[in-house]
Amino acid sequence: MKKINKVLVLGAGVMGKGIAQHLASFDIETVVFSRTETTLAKCRTLIRNSLDTLASQGRATEADNAQCLSRISYTTDMALAAPQADLIIETISENLELKKKIFEELDALCQPETILATNTSSFDINEIASAAKRHPKRVLGMHWFHPPNITPGIELIGGSWTSPEALRTMDDFCLAMGKVPTRCANTPGFVANRIQMAMVAEALKIVSQGLASPAEVDAIVRSTIGFRLGAFGPFEIADMAGTDTYLAIMNYMHEELGWENSDAVAFLSSLVKQGRLGLKAGAGFYDYDEKASERILQWRDTFLSRRLDVFNEETRERNK
C-alpha cells in the first residue's frame, strides 16, 4: 500500500464533516464529496464554525485554522476525485444496499492499491466488500465515533478478504492522526455499539416501566458509570470491584429480573473458581504485580479527582 497523502471523504454530513476537519488538521489533503452543492456549502460553514470555536478556546491559532481550511476541497464529481485518492472513507447513510452500490462504483474507479473504508457502525464488512469484485482485499471497516474530530477511538474491522497489509496501513495511519485504533471482529454492531446498545436497551426498559425518567437515567449514568468510564474500561472496573462481587450481582439480577446472561455468568464463575477475584487477589481479568494495587488505586483517585473538577464545571454550565 502506498503512503496515504490524499483522502476522499464520501458524505458531507456530521461524520464526514468532522473526519475531514480532523484529517486536514494533520496535514492531509482532504476532499469532501457530496452529490449536492447545497450540502457541501453547509459542510464548509460547519467546519469554519468548528475551527472558530477551537480558536476561541485557545486550542488553535488563526494561522492553524487557515492551513486546515486550505487542505480541504469539495466536489460533486466522485468519478474525478476517486482515482486520485490513496484512501476513501465512506460516511453515507446506514443503508446497506446504497453502500454496496457506492463500493461497486469505487472499485471500478480507483487505483488497485487505494484503500476503501466504510464508516458503517453495524453492517457486515463482507457484504460491503462483496460489491468490490475486482479488489475486495482493500475493503475494511473504519468506524469513527461522534464527534470524529474529538473522540479518540476508531474501530478497525477486517472482512474475510481484507488484506493484513491494508489493516496495518490503517493502524499506522490512525496513530499518525492522533487516534486510538482497535481491531474488532466482523460481528454485527462490532464492539462499541454492542455494549452501547445493550446499555440503551436497558435504559429504555427502565423508562418504559416508569422506574426513572430519561433525565434521571442520564444524570445517574453521567455521575456514576460514565464518570468512571472516562478512565477505565468495564473489565478494569470489574477487577477493582471484584469478580466475585460482579458474579453475585449477576446471579441476583437473574433471580429477581430474569436476566439471561449464561455466557457472562459462566465466564465469571470460572474466574472466581480460579481465585482470580480481581485487584485484591493479584489477578482477575488482568494480572497484577505486588505493587500494582497501590499504584493503580492512586492513579485512579488522581485521575477521577481531575475528572470531578470537569464534571462539576459541566454541571454548573448545565444549570445556568
C-alpha atoms as a PDB file:
ATOM      1  CA  MET A   1       0.000   0.000   0.000  1.00  0.00           C
ATOM      2  CA  LYS A   2       1.309   3.426  -0.866  1.00  0.00           C
ATOM      3  CA  LYS A   3       1.602   6.223   1.657  1.00  0.00           C
ATOM      4  CA  ILE A   4      -1.657   7.981   2.387  1.00  0.00           C
ATOM      5  CA  ASN A   5      -1.335  11.591   1.318  1.00  0.00           C
ATOM      6  CA  LYS A   6      -4.778  12.276  -0.106  1.00  0.00           C
ATOM      7  CA  VAL A   7      -8.123  11.170   1.333  1.00  0.00           C
ATOM      8  CA  LEU A   8     -11.569  11.355  -0.218  1.00  0.00           C
ATOM      9  CA  VAL A   9     -14.412  11.530   2.311  1.00  0.00           C
ATOM     10  CA  LEU A  10     -17.743  10.436   0.869  1.00  0.00           C
ATOM     11  CA  GLY A  11     -20.549  12.284   2.596  1.00  0.00           C
ATOM     12  CA  ALA A  12     -20.671  15.822   3.954  1.00  0.00           C
ATOM     13  CA  GLY A  13     -22.864  15.214   6.976  1.00  0.00           C
ATOM     14  CA  VAL A  14     -21.926  15.266  10.654  1.00  0.00           C
ATOM     15  CA  MET A  15     -19.431  12.398  10.414  1.00  0.00           C
ATOM     16  CA  GLY A  16     -17.956  13.384   7.068  1.00  0.00           C
ATOM     17  CA  LYS A  17     -17.511  16.976   8.196  1.00  0.00           C
ATOM     18  CA  GLY A  18     -15.730  16.003  11.391  1.00  0.00           C
ATOM     19  CA  ILE A  19     -13.500  13.407   9.729  1.00  0.00           C
ATOM     20  CA  ALA A  20     -12.440  15.859   7.023  1.00  0.00           C
ATOM     21  CA  GLN A  21     -11.643  18.536   9.599  1.00  0.00           C
ATOM     22  CA  HIS A  22      -9.564  16.113  11.666  1.00  0.00           C
ATOM     23  CA  LEU A  23      -7.573  14.791   8.715  1.00  0.00           C
ATOM     24  CA  ALA A  24      -6.860  18.281   7.373  1.00  0.00           C
ATOM     25  CA  SER A  25      -5.625  19.365  10.812  1.00  0.00           C
ATOM     26  CA  PHE A  26      -2.962  16.637  10.466  1.00  0.00           C
ATOM     27  CA  ASP A  27      -1.669  17.946   7.139  1.00  0.00           C
ATOM     28  CA  ILE A  28      -3.632  15.501   4.963  1.00  0.00           C
ATOM     29  CA  GLU A  29      -5.022  16.756   1.665  1.00  0.00           C
ATOM     30  CA  THR A  30      -8.729  16.022   2.030  1.00  0.00           C
ATOM     31  CA  VAL A  31     -11.568  16.093  -0.496  1.00  0.00           C
ATOM     32  CA  VAL A  32     -15.205  16.008   0.623  1.00  0.00           C
ATOM     33  CA  PHE A  33     -17.751  14.571  -1.781  1.00  0.00           C
ATOM     34  CA  SER A  34     -21.498  15.143  -1.807  1.00  0.00           C
ATOM     35  CA  ARG A  35     -23.994  14.892  -4.617  1.00  0.00           C
ATOM     36  CA  THR A  36     -25.284  18.442  -3.988  1.00  0.00           C
ATOM     37  CA  GLU A  37     -23.584  21.819  -3.746  1.00  0.00           C
ATOM     38  CA  THR A  38     -26.052  22.800  -1.024  1.00  0.00           C
ATOM     39  CA  THR A  39     -24.778  20.064   1.289  1.00  0.00           C
ATOM     40  CA  LEU A  40     -21.160  20.971   0.546  1.00  0.00           C
ATOM     41  CA  ALA A  41     -21.833  24.646   1.334  1.00  0.00           C
ATOM     42  CA  LYS A  42     -23.318  23.661   4.691  1.00  0.00           C
ATOM     43  CA  CYS A  43     -20.305  21.439   5.369  1.00  0.00           C
ATOM     44  CA  ARG A  44     -17.921  24.340   4.667  1.00  0.00           C
ATOM     45  CA  THR A  45     -19.780  26.549   7.111  1.00  0.00           C
ATOM     46  CA  LEU A  46     -19.834  23.917   9.858  1.00  0.00           C
ATOM     47  CA  ILE A  47     -16.099  23.269   9.538  1.00  0.00           C
ATOM     48  CA  ARG A  48     -15.348  27.001   9.721  1.00  0.00           C
ATOM     49  CA  ASN A  49     -17.577  27.329  12.789  1.00  0.00           C
ATOM     50  CA  SER A  50     -15.881  24.392  14.486  1.00  0.00           C
ATOM     51  CA  LEU A  51     -12.431  25.835  13.816  1.00  0.00           C
ATOM     52  CA  ASP A  52     -13.548  29.235  15.105  1.00  0.00           C
ATOM     53  CA  THR A  53     -14.634  27.541  18.331  1.00  0.00           C
ATOM     54  CA  LEU A  54     -11.194  25.959  18.714  1.00  0.00           C
ATOM     55  CA  ALA A  55      -9.565  29.354  18.203  1.00  0.00           C
ATOM     56  CA  SER A  56     -11.845  30.983  20.774  1.00  0.00           C
ATOM     57  CA  GLN A  57     -10.809  28.291  23.274  1.00  0.00           C
ATOM     58  CA  GLY A  58      -7.121  28.859  22.610  1.00  0.00           C
ATOM     59  CA  ARG A  59      -6.730  25.354  21.171  1.00  0.00           C
ATOM     60  CA  ALA A  60      -5.767  26.569  17.698  1.00  0.00           C
ATOM     61  CA  THR A  61      -4.469  29.772  16.142  1.00  0.00           C
ATOM     62  CA  GLU A  62      -5.955  31.628  13.203  1.00  0.00           C
ATOM     63  CA  ALA A  63      -2.939  30.511  11.183  1.00  0.00           C
ATOM     64  CA  ASP A  64      -3.564  26.863  12.136  1.00  0.00           C
ATOM     65  CA  ASN A  65      -7.162  27.148  11.033  1.00  0.00           C
ATOM     66  CA  ALA A  66      -6.268  28.832   7.751  1.00  0.00           C
ATOM     67  CA  GLN A  67      -3.853  25.986   6.991  1.00  0.00           C
ATOM     68  CA  CYS A  68      -6.508  23.418   7.867  1.00  0.00           C
ATOM     69  CA  LEU A  69      -9.079  25.031   5.581  1.00  0.00           C
ATOM     70  CA  SER A  70      -6.550  25.226   2.747  1.00  0.00           C
ATOM     71  CA  ARG A  71      -6.169  21.434   2.801  1.00  0.00           C
ATOM     72  CA  ILE A  72      -9.907  20.761   2.321  1.00  0.00           C
ATOM     73  CA  SER A  73     -11.561  20.868  -1.078  1.00  0.00           C
ATOM     74  CA  TYR A  74     -15.099  19.947  -2.109  1.00  0.00           C
ATOM     75  CA  THR A  75     -16.567  18.141  -5.100  1.00  0.00           C
ATOM     76  CA  THR A  76     -19.759  16.711  -6.559  1.00  0.00           C
ATOM     77  CA  ASP A  77     -17.747  14.640  -9.057  1.00  0.00           C
ATOM     78  CA  MET A  78     -16.819  11.302  -7.483  1.00  0.00           C
ATOM     79  CA  ALA A  79     -15.529   9.912 -10.783  1.00  0.00           C
ATOM     80  CA  LEU A  80     -12.938  12.686 -10.922  1.00  0.00           C
ATOM     81  CA  ALA A  81     -11.892  12.569  -7.255  1.00  0.00           C
ATOM     82  CA  ALA A  82     -11.811   8.825  -6.540  1.00  0.00           C
ATOM     83  CA  PRO A  83      -8.899   7.837  -8.851  1.00  0.00           C
ATOM     84  CA  GLN A  84      -6.662  10.421  -7.172  1.00  0.00           C
ATOM     85  CA  ALA A  85      -7.226   9.234  -3.587  1.00  0.00           C
ATOM     86  CA  ASP A  86      -4.961   6.969  -1.531  1.00  0.00           C
ATOM     87  CA  LEU A  87      -7.774   6.316   0.940  1.00  0.00           C
ATOM     88  CA  ILE A  88     -11.532   6.708   0.624  1.00  0.00           C
ATOM     89  CA  ILE A  89     -13.688   6.903   3.756  1.00  0.00           C
ATOM     90  CA  GLU A  90     -17.389   6.351   3.116  1.00  0.00           C
ATOM     91  CA  THR A  91     -19.749   8.048   5.590  1.00  0.00           C
ATOM     92  CA  ILE A  92     -23.090   7.924   3.772  1.00  0.00           C
ATOM     93  CA  SER A  93     -26.344   6.942   5.487  1.00  0.00           C
ATOM     94  CA  GLU A  94     -26.633   3.500   7.124  1.00  0.00           C
ATOM     95  CA  ASN A  95     -28.233   1.795   4.129  1.00  0.00           C
ATOM     96  CA  LEU A  96     -26.565  -1.473   3.122  1.00  0.00           C
ATOM     97  CA  GLU A  97     -27.714  -1.540  -0.492  1.00  0.00           C
ATOM     98  CA  LEU A  98     -26.652   2.060  -1.027  1.00  0.00           C
ATOM     99  CA  LYS A  99     -23.235   1.364   0.472  1.00  0.00           C
ATOM    100  CA  LYS A 100     -22.781  -1.692  -1.757  1.00  0.00           C
ATOM    101  CA  LYS A 101     -23.650   0.371  -4.810  1.00  0.00           C
ATOM    102  CA  ILE A 102     -21.086   3.016  -3.827  1.00  0.00           C
ATOM    103  CA  PHE A 103     -18.359   0.408  -3.259  1.00  0.00           C
ATOM    104  CA  GLU A 104     -19.094  -1.175  -6.621  1.00  0.00           C
ATOM    105  CA  GLU A 105     -18.576   2.236  -8.227  1.00  0.00           C
ATOM    106  CA  LEU A 106     -15.407   2.900  -6.236  1.00  0.00           C
ATOM    107  CA  ASP A 107     -13.939  -0.480  -7.118  1.00  0.00           C
ATOM    108  CA  ALA A 108     -14.243   0.402 -10.798  1.00  0.00           C
ATOM    109  CA  LEU A 109     -12.939   3.959 -10.403  1.00  0.00           C
ATOM    110  CA  CYS A 110      -9.996   3.624  -8.012  1.00  0.00           C
ATOM    111  CA  GLN A 111      -6.412   2.524  -8.357  1.00  0.00           C
ATOM    112  CA  PRO A 112      -5.931  -1.109  -7.168  1.00  0.00           C
ATOM    113  CA  GLU A 113      -3.916  -0.025  -4.118  1.00  0.00           C
ATOM    114  CA  THR A 114      -6.446   2.546  -2.883  1.00  0.00           C
ATOM    115  CA  ILE A 115      -7.912   1.524   0.482  1.00  0.00           C
ATOM    116  CA  LEU A 116     -11.707   1.653   0.685  1.00  0.00           C
ATOM    117  CA  ALA A 117     -13.008   2.157   4.221  1.00  0.00           C
ATOM    118  CA  THR A 118     -16.621   2.187   5.352  1.00  0.00           C
ATOM    119  CA  ASN A 119     -17.707   4.050   8.464  1.00  0.00           C
ATOM    120  CA  THR A 120     -20.624   1.664   8.972  1.00  0.00           C
ATOM    121  CA  SER A 121     -21.487   1.198  12.622  1.00  0.00           C
ATOM    122  CA  SER A 122     -23.051  -2.239  12.263  1.00  0.00           C
ATOM    123  CA  PHE A 123     -23.086  -3.820   8.791  1.00  0.00           C
ATOM    124  CA  ASP A 124     -21.158  -6.939   7.770  1.00  0.00           C
ATOM    125  CA  ILE A 125     -17.905  -5.862   6.094  1.00  0.00           C
ATOM    126  CA  ASN A 126     -18.074  -8.919   3.828  1.00  0.00           C
ATOM    127  CA  GLU A 127     -21.441  -7.759   2.495  1.00  0.00           C
ATOM    128  CA  ILE A 128     -19.975  -4.399   1.552  1.00  0.00           C
ATOM    129  CA  ALA A 129     -16.707  -5.844   0.240  1.00  0.00           C
ATOM    130  CA  SER A 130     -18.601  -8.294  -1.969  1.00  0.00           C
ATOM    131  CA  ALA A 131     -19.558  -5.343  -4.159  1.00  0.00           C
ATOM    132  CA  ALA A 132     -15.865  -4.545  -4.783  1.00  0.00           C
ATOM    133  CA  LYS A 133     -15.413  -7.554  -7.050  1.00  0.00           C
ATOM    134  CA  ARG A 134     -12.050  -6.530  -8.526  1.00  0.00           C
ATOM    135  CA  HIS A 135     -10.186  -5.861  -5.275  1.00  0.00           C
ATOM    136  CA  PRO A 136     -12.182  -6.844  -2.146  1.00  0.00           C
ATOM    137  CA  LYS A 137      -8.915  -7.205  -0.200  1.00  0.00           C
ATOM    138  CA  ARG A 138      -8.631  -3.414   0.106  1.00  0.00           C
ATOM    139  CA  VAL A 139     -12.063  -3.005   1.756  1.00  0.00           C
ATOM    140  CA  LEU A 140     -12.324  -2.656   5.542  1.00  0.00           C
ATOM    141  CA  GLY A 141     -14.387  -1.067   8.281  1.00  0.00           C
ATOM    142  CA  MET A 142     -13.189   2.175   9.847  1.00  0.00           C
ATOM    143  CA  HIS A 143     -15.755   3.054  12.495  1.00  0.00           C
ATOM    144  CA  TRP A 144     -15.299   6.597  13.812  1.00  0.00           C
ATOM    145  CA  PHE A 145     -17.327   7.945  16.738  1.00  0.00           C
ATOM    146  CA  HIS A 146     -19.205  11.218  17.036  1.00  0.00           C
ATOM    147  CA  PRO A 147     -17.760  13.814  17.152  1.00  0.00           C
ATOM    148  CA  PRO A 148     -14.995  12.299  14.996  1.00  0.00           C
ATOM    149  CA  ASN A 149     -12.641  15.272  15.256  1.00  0.00           C
ATOM    150  CA  ILE A 150     -12.578  14.871  19.068  1.00  0.00           C
ATOM    151  CA  THR A 151     -13.406  11.271  20.083  1.00  0.00           C
ATOM    152  CA  PRO A 152     -10.086   9.361  20.028  1.00  0.00           C
ATOM    153  CA  GLY A 153     -11.199   5.784  19.362  1.00  0.00           C
ATOM    154  CA  ILE A 154     -11.622   4.146  15.949  1.00  0.00           C
ATOM    155  CA  GLU A 155     -12.707   0.535  15.414  1.00  0.00           C
ATOM    156  CA  LEU A 156     -10.872  -1.157  12.519  1.00  0.00           C
ATOM    157  CA  ILE A 157     -12.724  -4.182  11.135  1.00  0.00           C
ATOM    158  CA  GLY A 158     -11.360  -6.594   8.574  1.00  0.00           C
ATOM    159  CA  GLY A 159     -13.552  -8.816   6.473  1.00  0.00           C
ATOM    160  CA  SER A 160     -12.750 -12.262   5.127  1.00  0.00           C
ATOM    161  CA  TRP A 161     -10.957 -10.752   2.123  1.00  0.00           C
ATOM    162  CA  THR A 162      -9.273  -7.776   3.820  1.00  0.00           C
ATOM    163  CA  SER A 163      -5.501  -7.961   3.456  1.00  0.00           C
ATOM    164  CA  PRO A 164      -3.301  -7.782   6.581  1.00  0.00           C
ATOM    165  CA  GLU A 165      -1.334  -5.061   4.816  1.00  0.00           C
ATOM    166  CA  ALA A 166      -4.419  -2.852   4.480  1.00  0.00           C
ATOM    167  CA  LEU A 167      -5.166  -3.219   8.196  1.00  0.00           C
ATOM    168  CA  ARG A 168      -1.544  -2.489   9.160  1.00  0.00           C
ATOM    169  CA  THR A 169      -1.580   0.589   6.936  1.00  0.00           C
ATOM    170  CA  MET A 170      -4.722   1.852   8.651  1.00  0.00           C
ATOM    171  CA  ASP A 171      -3.321   1.105  12.115  1.00  0.00           C
ATOM    172  CA  ASP A 172      -0.318   3.294  11.331  1.00  0.00           C
ATOM    173  CA  PHE A 173      -2.461   5.959   9.688  1.00  0.00           C
ATOM    174  CA  CYS A 174      -4.802   6.228  12.676  1.00  0.00           C
ATOM    175  CA  LEU A 175      -1.881   6.527  15.100  1.00  0.00           C
ATOM    176  CA  ALA A 176      -0.313   9.238  12.939  1.00  0.00           C
ATOM    177  CA  MET A 177      -3.652  11.089  13.060  1.00  0.00           C
ATOM    178  CA  GLY A 178      -3.637  11.017  16.886  1.00  0.00           C
ATOM    179  CA  LYS A 179      -6.324   8.338  17.101  1.00  0.00           C
ATOM    180  CA  VAL A 180      -6.575   5.105  19.105  1.00  0.00           C
ATOM    181  CA  PRO A 181      -7.216   2.257  16.628  1.00  0.00           C
ATOM    182  CA  THR A 182      -8.566  -1.058  17.918  1.00  0.00           C
ATOM    183  CA  ARG A 183      -9.069  -4.180  15.816  1.00  0.00           C
ATOM    184  CA  CYS A 184     -12.569  -5.640  16.022  1.00  0.00           C
ATOM    185  CA  ALA A 185     -14.156  -8.848  14.811  1.00  0.00           C
ATOM    186  CA  ASN A 186     -16.551  -8.572  11.889  1.00  0.00           C
ATOM    187  CA  THR A 187     -19.659  -9.117  14.004  1.00  0.00           C
ATOM    188  CA  PRO A 188     -22.984  -7.207  13.934  1.00  0.00           C
ATOM    189  CA  GLY A 189     -22.527  -3.908  15.776  1.00  0.00           C
ATOM    190  CA  PHE A 190     -18.811  -4.666  16.245  1.00  0.00           C
ATOM    191  CA  VAL A 191     -17.807  -3.975  19.884  1.00  0.00           C
ATOM    192  CA  ALA A 192     -18.647  -0.417  20.944  1.00  0.00           C
ATOM    193  CA  ASN A 193     -22.201  -0.461  19.642  1.00  0.00           C
ATOM    194  CA  ARG A 194     -22.942  -3.887  21.095  1.00  0.00           C
ATOM    195  CA  ILE A 195     -22.002  -2.530  24.514  1.00  0.00           C
ATOM    196  CA  GLN A 196     -23.676   0.835  23.957  1.00  0.00           C
ATOM    197  CA  MET A 197     -26.922  -0.583  22.553  1.00  0.00           C
ATOM    198  CA  ALA A 198     -27.157  -3.064  25.441  1.00  0.00           C
ATOM    199  CA  MET A 199     -26.993  -0.129  27.855  1.00  0.00           C
ATOM    200  CA  VAL A 200     -29.513   1.897  25.835  1.00  0.00           C
ATOM    201  CA  ALA A 201     -31.905  -1.059  25.661  1.00  0.00           C
ATOM    202  CA  GLU A 202     -31.841  -1.484  29.440  1.00  0.00           C
ATOM    203  CA  ALA A 203     -32.235   2.289  29.922  1.00  0.00           C
ATOM    204  CA  LEU A 204     -35.294   2.249  27.635  1.00  0.00           C
ATOM    205  CA  LYS A 205     -36.777  -0.644  29.590  1.00  0.00           C
ATOM    206  CA  ILE A 206     -36.287   1.255  32.870  1.00  0.00           C
ATOM    207  CA  VAL A 207     -38.004   4.370  31.468  1.00  0.00           C
ATOM    208  CA  SER A 208     -40.829   2.388  29.835  1.00  0.00           C
ATOM    209  CA  GLN A 209     -41.559   0.695  33.170  1.00  0.00           C
ATOM    210  CA  GLY A 210     -41.735   4.053  34.934  1.00  0.00           C
ATOM    211  CA  LEU A 211     -38.753   3.314  37.185  1.00  0.00           C
ATOM    212  CA  ALA A 212     -36.967   6.555  36.275  1.00  0.00           C
ATOM    213  CA  SER A 213     -37.328   9.407  33.803  1.00  0.00           C
ATOM    214  CA  PRO A 214     -34.930   9.926  30.871  1.00  0.00           C
ATOM    215  CA  ALA A 215     -33.416  12.884  32.738  1.00  0.00           C
ATOM    216  CA  GLU A 216     -32.915  10.788  35.866  1.00  0.00           C
ATOM    217  CA  VAL A 217     -31.303   7.957  33.909  1.00  0.00           C
ATOM    218  CA  ASP A 218     -28.965  10.403  32.169  1.00  0.00           C
ATOM    219  CA  ALA A 219     -28.000  12.003  35.477  1.00  0.00           C
ATOM    220  CA  ILE A 220     -27.326   8.606  37.061  1.00  0.00           C
ATOM    221  CA  VAL A 221     -25.158   7.433  34.153  1.00  0.00           C
ATOM    222  CA  ARG A 222     -23.223  10.716  33.937  1.00  0.00           C
ATOM    223  CA  SER A 223     -22.441  10.763  37.651  1.00  0.00           C
ATOM    224  CA  THR A 224     -21.648   7.059  38.156  1.00  0.00           C
ATOM    225  CA  ILE A 225     -20.899   4.672  35.295  1.00  0.00           C
ATOM    226  CA  GLY A 226     -19.999   7.316  32.726  1.00  0.00           C
ATOM    227  CA  PHE A 227     -17.898   9.211  35.245  1.00  0.00           C
ATOM    228  CA  ARG A 228     -15.604   6.192  35.704  1.00  0.00           C
ATOM    229  CA  LEU A 229     -15.658   5.018  32.093  1.00  0.00           C
ATOM    230  CA  GLY A 230     -13.669   8.104  31.158  1.00  0.00           C
ATOM    231  CA  ALA A 231     -10.706   6.477  32.890  1.00  0.00           C
ATOM    232  CA  PHE A 232     -11.339   2.724  32.894  1.00  0.00           C
ATOM    233  CA  GLY A 233     -12.910   0.035  30.753  1.00  0.00           C
ATOM    234  CA  PRO A 234     -15.536  -2.381  32.116  1.00  0.00           C
ATOM    235  CA  PHE A 235     -13.030  -5.148  32.893  1.00  0.00           C
ATOM    236  CA  GLU A 236     -10.704  -2.793  34.743  1.00  0.00           C
ATOM    237  CA  ILE A 237     -13.655  -1.577  36.826  1.00  0.00           C
ATOM    238  CA  ALA A 238     -14.750  -5.186  37.465  1.00  0.00           C
ATOM    239  CA  ASP A 239     -11.267  -6.073  38.729  1.00  0.00           C
ATOM    240  CA  MET A 240     -11.366  -3.125  41.144  1.00  0.00           C
ATOM    241  CA  ALA A 241     -14.799  -4.127  42.460  1.00  0.00           C
ATOM    242  CA  GLY A 242     -14.026  -7.855  42.487  1.00  0.00           C
ATOM    243  CA  THR A 243     -15.157 -10.546  40.069  1.00  0.00           C
ATOM    244  CA  ASP A 244     -16.859 -12.345  42.975  1.00  0.00           C
ATOM    245  CA  THR A 245     -18.903  -9.212  43.641  1.00  0.00           C
ATOM    246  CA  TYR A 246     -19.903  -8.974  40.000  1.00  0.00           C
ATOM    247  CA  LEU A 247     -20.862 -12.649  39.947  1.00  0.00           C
ATOM    248  CA  ALA A 248     -23.094 -12.185  42.995  1.00  0.00           C
ATOM    249  CA  ILE A 249     -24.794  -9.185  41.389  1.00  0.00           C
ATOM    250  CA  MET A 250     -25.392 -11.054  38.123  1.00  0.00           C
ATOM    251  CA  ASN A 251     -26.835 -14.059  39.926  1.00  0.00           C
ATOM    252  CA  TYR A 252     -29.184 -11.801  41.909  1.00  0.00           C
ATOM    253  CA  MET A 253     -30.276  -9.968  38.744  1.00  0.00           C
ATOM    254  CA  HIS A 254     -31.007 -13.339  37.163  1.00  0.00           C
ATOM    255  CA  GLU A 255     -33.166 -14.392  40.123  1.00  0.00           C
ATOM    256  CA  GLU A 256     -35.034 -11.102  40.506  1.00  0.00           C
ATOM    257  CA  LEU A 257     -35.217  -9.755  36.941  1.00  0.00           C
ATOM    258  CA  GLY A 258     -34.889 -12.889  34.859  1.00  0.00           C
ATOM    259  CA  TRP A 259     -31.693 -11.729  33.199  1.00  0.00           C
ATOM    260  CA  GLU A 260     -30.345 -14.399  30.856  1.00  0.00           C
ATOM    261  CA  ASN A 261     -26.588 -13.916  30.844  1.00  0.00           C
ATOM    262  CA  SER A 262     -25.421 -17.513  30.939  1.00  0.00           C
ATOM    263  CA  ASP A 263     -22.210 -16.872  28.973  1.00  0.00           C
ATOM    264  CA  ALA A 264     -21.232 -13.980  31.225  1.00  0.00           C
ATOM    265  CA  VAL A 265     -22.039 -15.916  34.409  1.00  0.00           C
ATOM    266  CA  ALA A 266     -20.057 -18.939  33.211  1.00  0.00           C
ATOM    267  CA  PHE A 267     -17.058 -16.727  32.400  1.00  0.00           C
ATOM    268  CA  LEU A 268     -17.178 -15.006  35.801  1.00  0.00           C
ATOM    269  CA  SER A 269     -17.736 -18.283  37.652  1.00  0.00           C
ATOM    270  CA  SER A 270     -14.633 -19.706  36.023  1.00  0.00           C
ATOM    271  CA  LEU A 271     -12.533 -16.738  37.178  1.00  0.00           C
ATOM    272  CA  VAL A 272     -13.884 -16.931  40.721  1.00  0.00           C
ATOM    273  CA  LYS A 273     -13.201 -20.671  40.942  1.00  0.00           C
ATOM    274  CA  GLN A 274      -9.608 -19.998  39.886  1.00  0.00           C
ATOM    275  CA  GLY A 275      -9.260 -17.429  42.665  1.00  0.00           C
ATOM    276  CA  ARG A 276      -8.985 -14.623  40.138  1.00  0.00           C
ATOM    277  CA  LEU A 277     -11.040 -12.198  42.201  1.00  0.00           C
ATOM    278  CA  GLY A 278      -9.534  -9.026  40.787  1.00  0.00           C
ATOM    279  CA  LEU A 279      -7.114  -6.421  42.068  1.00  0.00           C
ATOM    280  CA  LYS A 280      -7.422  -7.590  45.667  1.00  0.00           C
ATOM    281  CA  ALA A 281      -6.209 -11.091  44.708  1.00  0.00           C
ATOM    282  CA  GLY A 282      -3.480 -10.046  42.286  1.00  0.00           C
ATOM    283  CA  ALA A 283      -5.383 -11.472  39.341  1.00  0.00           C
ATOM    284  CA  GLY A 284      -8.764 -11.126  37.690  1.00  0.00           C
ATOM    285  CA  PHE A 285      -9.296 -10.256  34.060  1.00  0.00           C
ATOM    286  CA  TYR A 286      -5.739  -8.899  34.320  1.00  0.00           C
ATOM    287  CA  ASP A 287      -2.647  -9.964  36.266  1.00  0.00           C
ATOM    288  CA  TYR A 288      -1.129  -7.580  38.808  1.00  0.00           C
ATOM    289  CA  ASP A 289       2.313  -7.459  40.409  1.00  0.00           C
ATOM    290  CA  GLU A 290       2.798  -6.861  44.141  1.00  0.00           C
ATOM    291  CA  LYS A 291       2.810  -3.079  43.908  1.00  0.00           C
ATOM    292  CA  ALA A 292       0.098  -2.810  41.271  1.00  0.00           C
ATOM    293  CA  SER A 293      -2.805  -2.474  43.689  1.00  0.00           C
ATOM    294  CA  GLU A 294      -1.425   0.603  45.426  1.00  0.00           C
ATOM    295  CA  ARG A 295      -0.215   2.157  42.165  1.00  0.00           C
ATOM    296  CA  ILE A 296      -3.486   1.627  40.303  1.00  0.00           C
ATOM    297  CA  LEU A 297      -5.659   2.902  43.131  1.00  0.00           C
ATOM    298  CA  GLN A 298      -3.509   6.031  43.479  1.00  0.00           C
ATOM    299  CA  TRP A 299      -3.725   6.619  39.742  1.00  0.00           C
ATOM    300  CA  ARG A 300      -7.497   6.027  39.836  1.00  0.00           C
ATOM    301  CA  ASP A 301      -8.054   8.565  42.591  1.00  0.00           C
ATOM    302  CA  THR A 302      -5.795  11.146  40.942  1.00  0.00           C
ATOM    303  CA  PHE A 303      -7.477  10.808  37.560  1.00  0.00           C
ATOM    304  CA  LEU A 304     -11.012  10.770  38.904  1.00  0.00           C
ATOM    305  CA  SER A 305     -10.315  13.809  41.084  1.00  0.00           C
ATOM    306  CA  ARG A 306      -9.351  15.712  37.931  1.00  0.00           C
ATOM    307  CA  ARG A 307     -12.417  14.319  36.209  1.00  0.00           C
ATOM    308  CA  LEU A 308     -14.528  15.545  39.140  1.00  0.00           C
ATOM    309  CA  ASP A 309     -13.374  19.111  38.500  1.00  0.00           C
ATOM    310  CA  VAL A 310     -14.536  18.818  34.878  1.00  0.00           C
ATOM    311  CA  PHE A 311     -17.787  17.148  35.943  1.00  0.00           C
ATOM    312  CA  ASN A 312     -18.560  19.972  38.387  1.00  0.00           C
ATOM    313  CA  GLU A 313     -17.815  22.546  35.695  1.00  0.00           C
ATOM    314  CA  GLU A 314     -20.134  20.729  33.273  1.00  0.00           C
ATOM    315  CA  THR A 315     -22.860  20.608  35.930  1.00  0.00           C
ATOM    316  CA  ARG A 316     -22.586  24.333  36.581  1.00  0.00           C
ATOM    317  CA  GLU A 317     -22.862  25.038  32.836  1.00  0.00           C
ATOM    318  CA  ARG A 318     -25.903  22.770  32.523  1.00  0.00           C
ATOM    319  CA  ASN A 319     -27.631  24.526  35.412  1.00  0.00           C
ATOM    320  CA  LYS A 320     -27.168  28.062  34.119  1.00  0.00           C
END
